[in-house]
Amino acid sequence: MNSIIDNQREILLSVQGTNIWSGQQPQSYNSQAIAWGGLAHELFSSGRRYQWVPLSYIIGLVAPLPFWIIHRYWPRLRMDYYYTPIIWYVLNPSMIDIISSLYVQFTYRMALCWNKLFNSVVFRDLILLSVVAPY
């Protein structure tokens, strides 16, 4: 890494960089080294702001074990088809983008049904305005 930084010094010091050398990866290494090395006690210890980051490694290691144990002793239950990363992703309540997009689709379809029931010109114009205006 030091040889890359020494050889590509002019490109890395420029504001734009190039399509190959931008310095993003060495900067990422430096940030991670500072966070995990120098500031680990202040950031990741118990009762601190990011205490769940190191605990999540342990949780991620332990989460598949019940499925593996059940599949090991009772293979007919087919617990090897349950992938814990996907299960945890679906159960994660912080999927704001997906939930909000589903909410928008639901309200749009309800608006179309409302328009079909009452056939209102004003409501039709509001729907068209909401679809065309963001673009």
N, C-alpha and C. Protein backbone atom coordinates (compact mmCIF):
# COMPACT_ATOMS: atom_id res chain seq x y z
N MET A 1 0.82 -1.18 0.00
CA MET A 1 0.00 0.00 0.00
C MET A 1 0.87 1.25 0.00
N ASN A 2 1.97 1.23 0.73
CA ASN A 2 2.86 2.41 0.75
C ASN A 2 3.48 2.65 -0.61
N SER A 3 3.81 1.58 -1.35
CA SER A 3 4.39 1.78 -2.67
C SER A 3 3.37 2.39 -3.63
N ILE A 4 2.11 2.01 -3.50
CA ILE A 4 1.07 2.60 -4.35
C ILE A 4 0.92 4.08 -4.03
N ILE A 5 0.91 4.40 -2.75
CA ILE A 5 0.77 5.80 -2.36
C ILE A 5 1.97 6.61 -2.82
N ASP A 6 3.17 6.04 -2.73
CA ASP A 6 4.37 6.76 -3.18
C ASP A 6 4.39 6.92 -4.69
N ASN A 7 4.04 5.89 -5.43
CA ASN A 7 4.10 5.94 -6.90
C ASN A 7 2.99 6.79 -7.51
N GLN A 8 1.84 6.86 -6.88
CA GLN A 8 0.71 7.58 -7.43
C GLN A 8 0.42 8.86 -6.65
N ARG A 9 1.44 9.50 -6.11
CA ARG A 9 1.29 10.65 -5.23
C ARG A 9 0.55 11.81 -5.90
N GLU A 10 0.94 12.15 -7.12
CA GLU A 10 0.33 13.31 -7.81
C GLU A 10 -1.16 13.08 -8.06
N ILE A 11 -1.49 11.87 -8.47
CA ILE A 11 -2.89 11.56 -8.76
C ILE A 11 -3.71 11.56 -7.48
N LEU A 12 -3.14 11.00 -6.41
CA LEU A 12 -3.88 10.92 -5.16
C LEU A 12 -4.05 12.28 -4.50
N LEU A 13 -3.14 13.19 -4.74
CA LEU A 13 -3.25 14.53 -4.16
C LEU A 13 -4.18 15.42 -4.96
N SER A 14 -4.46 15.06 -6.21
CA SER A 14 -5.38 15.86 -7.01
C SER A 14 -6.80 15.69 -6.50
N VAL A 15 -7.62 16.66 -6.77
CA VAL A 15 -9.00 16.63 -6.30
C VAL A 15 -9.79 15.53 -7.00
N GLN A 16 -9.59 15.37 -8.28
CA GLN A 16 -10.37 14.43 -9.08
C GLN A 16 -9.86 13.01 -9.00
N GLY A 17 -8.55 12.80 -8.98
CA GLY A 17 -8.01 11.45 -9.07
C GLY A 17 -8.19 10.93 -10.49
N THR A 18 -8.19 9.63 -10.66
CA THR A 18 -8.49 9.03 -11.96
C THR A 18 -9.52 7.94 -11.75
N ASN A 19 -9.83 7.24 -12.83
CA ASN A 19 -10.79 6.15 -12.67
C ASN A 19 -10.18 4.95 -11.95
N ILE A 20 -8.86 4.92 -11.82
CA ILE A 20 -8.20 3.81 -11.15
C ILE A 20 -7.71 4.21 -9.76
N TRP A 21 -7.09 5.38 -9.66
CA TRP A 21 -6.48 5.81 -8.40
C TRP A 21 -7.25 6.98 -7.82
N SER A 22 -7.99 6.73 -6.77
CA SER A 22 -8.69 7.83 -6.12
C SER A 22 -8.28 7.98 -4.66
N GLY A 23 -7.64 6.97 -4.08
CA GLY A 23 -7.24 7.03 -2.69
C GLY A 23 -8.34 6.64 -1.72
N GLN A 24 -9.46 6.18 -2.22
CA GLN A 24 -10.57 5.83 -1.35
C GLN A 24 -10.26 4.63 -0.48
N GLN A 25 -9.62 3.61 -1.04
CA GLN A 25 -9.33 2.41 -0.25
C GLN A 25 -8.30 2.66 0.85
N PRO A 26 -7.17 3.32 0.58
CA PRO A 26 -6.25 3.62 1.68
C PRO A 26 -6.88 4.52 2.75
N GLN A 27 -7.73 5.43 2.34
CA GLN A 27 -8.42 6.28 3.31
C GLN A 27 -9.38 5.46 4.16
N SER A 28 -10.03 4.48 3.53
CA SER A 28 -10.92 3.60 4.28
C SER A 28 -10.13 2.77 5.29
N TYR A 29 -8.96 2.25 4.87
CA TYR A 29 -8.10 1.51 5.79
C TYR A 29 -7.68 2.37 6.97
N ASN A 30 -7.33 3.61 6.69
CA ASN A 30 -6.91 4.52 7.74
C ASN A 30 -8.05 4.79 8.72
N SER A 31 -9.26 5.03 8.21
CA SER A 31 -10.41 5.29 9.08
C SER A 31 -10.73 4.07 9.94
N GLN A 32 -10.67 2.88 9.35
CA GLN A 32 -10.94 1.66 10.11
C GLN A 32 -9.87 1.40 11.15
N ALA A 33 -8.61 1.71 10.81
CA ALA A 33 -7.53 1.51 11.78
C ALA A 33 -7.70 2.44 12.98
N ILE A 34 -8.13 3.66 12.72
CA ILE A 34 -8.34 4.61 13.82
C ILE A 34 -9.54 4.17 14.66
N ALA A 35 -10.63 3.77 14.00
CA ALA A 35 -11.83 3.40 14.74
C ALA A 35 -11.62 2.13 15.56
N TRP A 36 -11.07 1.09 14.93
CA TRP A 36 -10.92 -0.19 15.63
C TRP A 36 -9.68 -0.25 16.50
N GLY A 37 -8.70 0.58 16.22
CA GLY A 37 -7.47 0.54 17.00
C GLY A 37 -7.44 1.59 18.09
N GLY A 38 -7.36 2.83 17.69
CA GLY A 38 -7.16 3.91 18.66
C GLY A 38 -8.40 4.27 19.46
N LEU A 39 -9.56 4.19 18.86
CA LEU A 39 -10.78 4.63 19.53
C LEU A 39 -11.71 3.48 19.90
N ALA A 40 -11.23 2.25 19.85
CA ALA A 40 -12.11 1.10 20.08
C ALA A 40 -12.73 1.12 21.46
N HIS A 41 -11.96 1.48 22.46
CA HIS A 41 -12.49 1.48 23.83
C HIS A 41 -13.58 2.55 24.00
N GLU A 42 -13.40 3.70 23.36
CA GLU A 42 -14.39 4.78 23.48
C GLU A 42 -15.63 4.54 22.62
N LEU A 43 -15.50 3.77 21.55
CA LEU A 43 -16.63 3.58 20.64
C LEU A 43 -17.39 2.27 20.86
N PHE A 44 -16.67 1.18 21.07
CA PHE A 44 -17.29 -0.15 21.00
C PHE A 44 -17.43 -0.85 22.34
N SER A 45 -17.02 -0.26 23.43
CA SER A 45 -17.14 -0.95 24.72
C SER A 45 -18.57 -0.88 25.23
N SER A 46 -18.85 -1.62 26.27
CA SER A 46 -20.20 -1.72 26.81
C SER A 46 -20.69 -0.37 27.31
N GLY A 47 -21.90 -0.02 26.92
CA GLY A 47 -22.49 1.25 27.32
C GLY A 47 -22.13 2.41 26.42
N ARG A 48 -21.36 2.17 25.38
CA ARG A 48 -20.97 3.23 24.45
C ARG A 48 -21.88 3.24 23.23
N ARG A 49 -21.62 4.18 22.34
CA ARG A 49 -22.52 4.42 21.22
C ARG A 49 -22.66 3.20 20.29
N TYR A 50 -21.55 2.58 19.94
CA TYR A 50 -21.58 1.48 18.98
C TYR A 50 -21.31 0.14 19.67
N GLN A 51 -21.89 -0.09 20.82
CA GLN A 51 -21.63 -1.32 21.55
C GLN A 51 -22.17 -2.55 20.84
N TRP A 52 -23.17 -2.38 19.98
CA TRP A 52 -23.77 -3.53 19.31
C TRP A 52 -22.98 -3.99 18.09
N VAL A 53 -22.01 -3.22 17.65
CA VAL A 53 -21.22 -3.64 16.49
C VAL A 53 -20.41 -4.89 16.80
N PRO A 54 -19.59 -4.92 17.86
CA PRO A 54 -18.89 -6.18 18.13
C PRO A 54 -19.82 -7.30 18.61
N LEU A 55 -20.90 -6.94 19.28
CA LEU A 55 -21.84 -7.97 19.71
C LEU A 55 -22.56 -8.61 18.52
N SER A 56 -22.72 -7.86 17.45
CA SER A 56 -23.39 -8.42 16.28
C SER A 56 -22.56 -9.51 15.62
N TYR A 57 -21.23 -9.44 15.76
CA TYR A 57 -20.40 -10.53 15.25
C TYR A 57 -20.70 -11.83 16.00
N ILE A 58 -20.86 -11.73 17.29
CA ILE A 58 -21.18 -12.92 18.10
C ILE A 58 -22.58 -13.43 17.77
N ILE A 59 -23.53 -12.51 17.64
CA ILE A 59 -24.90 -12.90 17.29
C ILE A 59 -24.93 -13.57 15.92
N GLY A 60 -24.18 -13.02 14.96
CA GLY A 60 -24.12 -13.61 13.63
C GLY A 60 -23.48 -14.98 13.61
N LEU A 61 -22.58 -15.22 14.55
CA LEU A 61 -21.97 -16.54 14.64
C LEU A 61 -22.90 -17.55 15.28
N VAL A 62 -23.69 -17.13 16.26
CA VAL A 62 -24.55 -18.04 17.01
C VAL A 62 -25.90 -18.27 16.31
N ALA A 63 -26.38 -17.33 15.52
CA ALA A 63 -27.72 -17.42 14.93
C ALA A 63 -27.95 -18.67 14.07
N PRO A 64 -27.01 -19.11 13.25
CA PRO A 64 -27.28 -20.31 12.44
C PRO A 64 -27.16 -21.63 13.20
N LEU A 65 -26.60 -21.60 14.40
CA LEU A 65 -26.36 -22.85 15.12
C LEU A 65 -27.62 -23.65 15.42
N PRO A 66 -28.74 -23.07 15.86
CA PRO A 66 -29.93 -23.90 16.08
C PRO A 66 -30.42 -24.60 14.82
N PHE A 67 -30.35 -23.93 13.68
CA PHE A 67 -30.78 -24.55 12.43
C PHE A 67 -29.84 -25.70 12.05
N TRP A 68 -28.55 -25.50 12.27
CA TRP A 68 -27.57 -26.54 11.96
C TRP A 68 -27.75 -27.75 12.87
N ILE A 69 -27.97 -27.50 14.17
CA ILE A 69 -28.15 -28.60 15.12
C ILE A 69 -29.42 -29.39 14.79
N ILE A 70 -30.51 -28.70 14.50
CA ILE A 70 -31.76 -29.39 14.15
C ILE A 70 -31.57 -30.20 12.87
N HIS A 71 -30.89 -29.63 11.89
CA HIS A 71 -30.67 -30.37 10.64
C HIS A 71 -29.73 -31.55 10.86
N ARG A 72 -28.79 -31.40 11.76
CA ARG A 72 -27.83 -32.48 12.03
C ARG A 72 -28.52 -33.71 12.63
N TYR A 73 -29.46 -33.48 13.54
CA TYR A 73 -30.11 -34.61 14.22
C TYR A 73 -31.43 -35.03 13.56
N TRP A 74 -32.10 -34.13 12.91
CA TRP A 74 -33.36 -34.43 12.24
C TRP A 74 -33.30 -33.90 10.80
N PRO A 75 -32.63 -34.61 9.91
CA PRO A 75 -32.47 -34.09 8.54
C PRO A 75 -33.77 -34.03 7.75
N ARG A 76 -34.78 -34.77 8.15
CA ARG A 76 -36.05 -34.75 7.42
C ARG A 76 -36.78 -33.41 7.56
N LEU A 77 -36.44 -32.63 8.58
CA LEU A 77 -37.08 -31.32 8.74
C LEU A 77 -36.57 -30.29 7.75
N ARG A 78 -35.49 -30.62 7.06
CA ARG A 78 -34.91 -29.76 6.01
C ARG A 78 -34.60 -28.34 6.51
N MET A 79 -34.01 -28.25 7.68
CA MET A 79 -33.63 -26.95 8.22
C MET A 79 -32.41 -26.36 7.52
N ASP A 80 -31.80 -27.12 6.60
CA ASP A 80 -30.68 -26.57 5.86
C ASP A 80 -31.14 -25.57 4.79
N TYR A 81 -32.43 -25.51 4.53
CA TYR A 81 -32.97 -24.54 3.58
C TYR A 81 -33.23 -23.18 4.20
N TYR A 82 -33.14 -23.07 5.50
CA TYR A 82 -33.35 -21.78 6.18
C TYR A 82 -32.03 -21.05 6.28
N TYR A 83 -31.93 -19.94 5.57
CA TYR A 83 -30.70 -19.15 5.57
C TYR A 83 -30.88 -17.98 6.53
N THR A 84 -30.11 -18.01 7.59
CA THR A 84 -30.28 -17.00 8.64
C THR A 84 -29.99 -15.58 8.18
N PRO A 85 -29.05 -15.31 7.26
CA PRO A 85 -28.91 -13.92 6.83
C PRO A 85 -30.18 -13.37 6.18
N ILE A 86 -30.86 -14.20 5.41
CA ILE A 86 -32.09 -13.75 4.76
C ILE A 86 -33.19 -13.57 5.80
N ILE A 87 -33.27 -14.47 6.76
CA ILE A 87 -34.29 -14.37 7.82
C ILE A 87 -34.07 -13.09 8.62
N TRP A 88 -32.84 -12.80 8.99
CA TRP A 88 -32.54 -11.59 9.77
C TRP A 88 -32.80 -10.34 8.95
N TYR A 89 -32.54 -10.43 7.64
CA TYR A 89 -32.79 -9.27 6.79
C TYR A 89 -34.29 -8.96 6.71
N VAL A 90 -35.10 -10.01 6.61
CA VAL A 90 -36.55 -9.81 6.51
C VAL A 90 -37.11 -9.32 7.84
N LEU A 91 -36.57 -9.81 8.95
CA LEU A 91 -37.07 -9.41 10.26
C LEU A 91 -36.56 -8.05 10.72
N ASN A 92 -35.62 -7.47 9.99
CA ASN A 92 -35.02 -6.20 10.38
C ASN A 92 -36.04 -5.07 10.23
N PRO A 93 -36.33 -4.34 11.30
CA PRO A 93 -37.32 -3.26 11.19
C PRO A 93 -36.79 -1.99 10.56
N SER A 94 -35.52 -1.94 10.22
CA SER A 94 -34.98 -0.70 9.67
C SER A 94 -34.94 -0.69 8.15
N MET A 95 -35.79 -1.48 7.51
CA MET A 95 -35.87 -1.48 6.06
C MET A 95 -36.85 -0.39 5.61
N ILE A 96 -36.48 0.83 5.88
CA ILE A 96 -37.37 1.97 5.65
C ILE A 96 -37.70 2.12 4.17
N ASP A 97 -36.72 1.91 3.29
CA ASP A 97 -36.96 2.11 1.86
C ASP A 97 -38.01 1.14 1.33
N ILE A 98 -37.90 -0.11 1.72
CA ILE A 98 -38.85 -1.11 1.23
C ILE A 98 -40.24 -0.84 1.80
N ILE A 99 -40.31 -0.55 3.09
CA ILE A 99 -41.61 -0.32 3.71
C ILE A 99 -42.27 0.93 3.14
N SER A 100 -41.49 1.98 2.92
CA SER A 100 -42.08 3.20 2.38
C SER A 100 -42.52 3.01 0.94
N SER A 101 -41.78 2.23 0.15
CA SER A 101 -42.21 2.00 -1.23
C SER A 101 -43.49 1.17 -1.26
N LEU A 102 -43.61 0.21 -0.35
CA LEU A 102 -44.86 -0.55 -0.28
C LEU A 102 -46.03 0.33 0.14
N TYR A 103 -45.77 1.26 1.06
CA TYR A 103 -46.80 2.19 1.50
C TYR A 103 -47.25 3.08 0.35
N VAL A 104 -46.31 3.56 -0.45
CA VAL A 104 -46.67 4.42 -1.59
C VAL A 104 -47.50 3.62 -2.60
N GLN A 105 -47.10 2.39 -2.88
CA GLN A 105 -47.87 1.57 -3.81
C GLN A 105 -49.28 1.31 -3.28
N PHE A 106 -49.39 1.05 -2.00
CA PHE A 106 -50.69 0.78 -1.40
C PHE A 106 -51.59 2.01 -1.50
N THR A 107 -51.06 3.18 -1.14
CA THR A 107 -51.89 4.39 -1.20
C THR A 107 -52.26 4.75 -2.63
N TYR A 108 -51.36 4.52 -3.57
CA TYR A 108 -51.68 4.81 -4.97
C TYR A 108 -52.80 3.90 -5.47
N ARG A 109 -52.73 2.62 -5.12
CA ARG A 109 -53.78 1.70 -5.55
C ARG A 109 -55.11 1.99 -4.87
N MET A 110 -55.05 2.39 -3.61
CA MET A 110 -56.29 2.78 -2.92
C MET A 110 -56.89 4.03 -3.56
N ALA A 111 -56.03 4.95 -3.98
CA ALA A 111 -56.52 6.16 -4.64
C ALA A 111 -57.19 5.81 -5.97
N LEU A 112 -56.61 4.86 -6.69
CA LEU A 112 -57.23 4.45 -7.95
C LEU A 112 -58.59 3.79 -7.71
N CYS A 113 -58.67 2.98 -6.67
CA CYS A 113 -59.96 2.36 -6.34
C CYS A 113 -60.98 3.40 -5.93
N TRP A 114 -60.56 4.39 -5.15
CA TRP A 114 -61.44 5.48 -4.72
C TRP A 114 -61.94 6.25 -5.93
N ASN A 115 -61.04 6.50 -6.89
CA ASN A 115 -61.42 7.22 -8.09
C ASN A 115 -62.41 6.40 -8.91
N LYS A 116 -62.21 5.10 -8.96
CA LYS A 116 -63.13 4.25 -9.72
C LYS A 116 -64.52 4.23 -9.07
N LEU A 117 -64.57 4.28 -7.74
CA LEU A 117 -65.85 4.27 -7.04
C LEU A 117 -66.61 5.58 -7.24
N PHE A 118 -65.92 6.68 -7.09
CA PHE A 118 -66.61 7.97 -7.10
C PHE A 118 -66.45 8.74 -8.40
N ASN A 119 -65.51 8.35 -9.25
CA ASN A 119 -65.30 8.96 -10.56
C ASN A 119 -65.23 10.49 -10.47
N SER A 120 -64.38 10.94 -9.60
CA SER A 120 -64.28 12.39 -9.42
C SER A 120 -63.17 12.96 -10.27
N VAL A 121 -63.44 14.07 -10.89
CA VAL A 121 -62.48 14.72 -11.76
C VAL A 121 -61.34 15.32 -10.94
N VAL A 122 -61.66 15.88 -9.79
CA VAL A 122 -60.64 16.49 -8.94
C VAL A 122 -59.68 15.41 -8.44
N PHE A 123 -60.20 14.30 -8.04
CA PHE A 123 -59.36 13.22 -7.54
C PHE A 123 -58.46 12.68 -8.64
N ARG A 124 -58.99 12.57 -9.86
CA ARG A 124 -58.19 12.12 -10.98
C ARG A 124 -57.04 13.08 -11.25
N ASP A 125 -57.32 14.36 -11.18
CA ASP A 125 -56.27 15.35 -11.40
C ASP A 125 -55.21 15.29 -10.31
N LEU A 126 -55.61 15.03 -9.08
CA LEU A 126 -54.63 14.91 -8.00
C LEU A 126 -53.74 13.69 -8.20
N ILE A 127 -54.30 12.59 -8.68
CA ILE A 127 -53.51 11.39 -8.92
C ILE A 127 -52.53 11.66 -10.05
N LEU A 128 -53.00 12.25 -11.12
CA LEU A 128 -52.10 12.55 -12.24
C LEU A 128 -51.01 13.53 -11.82
N LEU A 129 -51.35 14.50 -11.02
CA LEU A 129 -50.36 15.47 -10.55
C LEU A 129 -49.31 14.79 -9.67
N SER A 130 -49.73 13.86 -8.82
CA SER A 130 -48.77 13.17 -7.96
C SER A 130 -47.87 12.22 -8.72
N VAL A 131 -48.34 11.70 -9.84
CA VAL A 131 -47.51 10.81 -10.64
C VAL A 131 -46.56 11.59 -11.53
N VAL A 132 -47.02 12.67 -12.13
CA VAL A 132 -46.21 13.42 -13.10
C VAL A 132 -45.28 14.41 -12.39
N ALA A 133 -45.69 15.00 -11.28
CA ALA A 133 -44.92 16.06 -10.65
C ALA A 133 -43.53 15.64 -10.18
N PRO A 134 -43.34 14.46 -9.59
CA PRO A 134 -41.98 14.13 -9.14
C PRO A 134 -40.96 13.98 -10.27
N TYR A 135 -41.43 13.72 -11.48
CA TYR A 135 -40.51 13.53 -12.59
C TYR A 135 -40.33 14.84 -13.31
